[in-house]
Amino acid sequence: MKIQIQCQLVRIRLDESELACLLAGQSVENHTALAGMGKWSQMVHLHPQPMVELTGSPQALVIGLPH
């Protein structure tokens, strides 16, 4: 998973193997160590709702994508 932050937008890029994991019902996670500030993590999973859902916290973001 690649995360790009620019101009108040967050772009998440998944490769083919990560997409296959999502389609198989698994979640995909990314962890980044921030020097002196702990870790920043993101988890992406599919869910049945029709819209994107953001939960968790700024340090551990959980992103639900429509199936």
Protein backbone atom coordinates (compact mmCIF):
# COMPACT_ATOMS: atom_id res chain seq x y z
CA MET A 1 0.00 0.00 0.00
CA LYS A 2 1.26 3.46 -0.84
CA ILE A 3 -0.09 6.57 0.87
CA GLN A 4 0.19 10.01 -0.73
CA ILE A 5 -0.87 13.17 1.10
CA GLN A 6 -1.11 16.39 -0.88
CA CYS A 7 -3.31 19.51 -0.71
CA GLN A 8 -5.68 18.07 1.93
CA LEU A 9 -6.19 14.87 -0.09
CA VAL A 10 -5.17 11.36 0.88
CA ARG A 11 -4.51 8.93 -1.96
CA ILE A 12 -4.17 5.23 -1.25
CA ARG A 13 -2.69 2.96 -3.89
CA LEU A 14 -2.97 -0.82 -3.66
CA ASP A 15 -1.05 -3.30 -5.77
CA GLU A 16 -2.64 -6.36 -7.35
CA SER A 17 -1.82 -8.71 -4.47
CA GLU A 18 -3.32 -6.30 -1.94
CA LEU A 19 -6.46 -5.97 -4.08
CA ALA A 20 -6.69 -9.78 -4.19
CA CYS A 21 -6.52 -9.84 -0.38
CA LEU A 22 -9.34 -7.31 -0.14
CA LEU A 23 -11.50 -9.26 -2.58
CA ALA A 24 -10.84 -12.43 -0.54
CA GLY A 25 -12.31 -10.71 2.54
CA GLN A 26 -9.03 -9.78 4.23
CA SER A 27 -7.84 -6.35 5.26
CA VAL A 28 -4.67 -4.62 4.09
CA GLU A 29 -2.48 -2.70 6.53
CA ASN A 30 0.33 -0.16 6.33
CA HIS A 31 2.56 0.94 9.24
CA THR A 32 4.97 3.88 9.20
CA ALA A 33 7.40 4.72 12.00
CA LEU A 34 7.53 8.48 12.58
CA ALA A 35 10.80 9.57 14.17
CA GLY A 36 10.13 10.51 17.78
CA MET A 37 6.34 10.40 17.29
CA GLY A 38 5.50 6.69 17.35
CA LYS A 39 3.74 4.86 14.54
CA TRP A 40 1.11 5.85 11.99
CA SER A 41 -1.02 3.05 10.59
CA GLN A 42 -3.78 2.63 8.06
CA MET A 43 -6.03 -0.38 7.50
CA VAL A 44 -8.27 -0.82 4.44
CA HIS A 45 -11.12 -3.31 4.26
CA LEU A 46 -14.29 -3.79 2.21
CA HIS A 47 -17.70 -3.28 3.80
CA PRO A 48 -21.32 -3.49 2.61
CA GLN A 49 -22.21 0.21 2.99
CA PRO A 50 -22.45 2.29 -0.23
CA MET A 51 -19.98 4.99 0.90
CA VAL A 52 -16.42 5.17 2.19
CA GLU A 53 -16.22 4.99 5.99
CA LEU A 54 -13.37 6.42 8.08
CA THR A 55 -13.02 5.25 11.69
CA GLY A 56 -10.22 4.74 14.17
CA SER A 57 -7.96 7.62 15.10
CA PRO A 58 -5.49 9.89 13.30
CA GLN A 59 -2.70 7.54 14.46
CA ALA A 60 -4.55 4.35 13.42
CA LEU A 61 -6.91 5.14 10.56
CA VAL A 62 -9.40 2.45 9.45
CA ILE A 63 -10.83 2.89 5.94
CA GLY A 64 -13.89 0.95 4.86
CA LEU A 65 -14.41 0.82 1.09
CA PRO A 66 -17.72 -0.16 -0.54
CA HIS A 67 -17.62 -3.75 -1.72
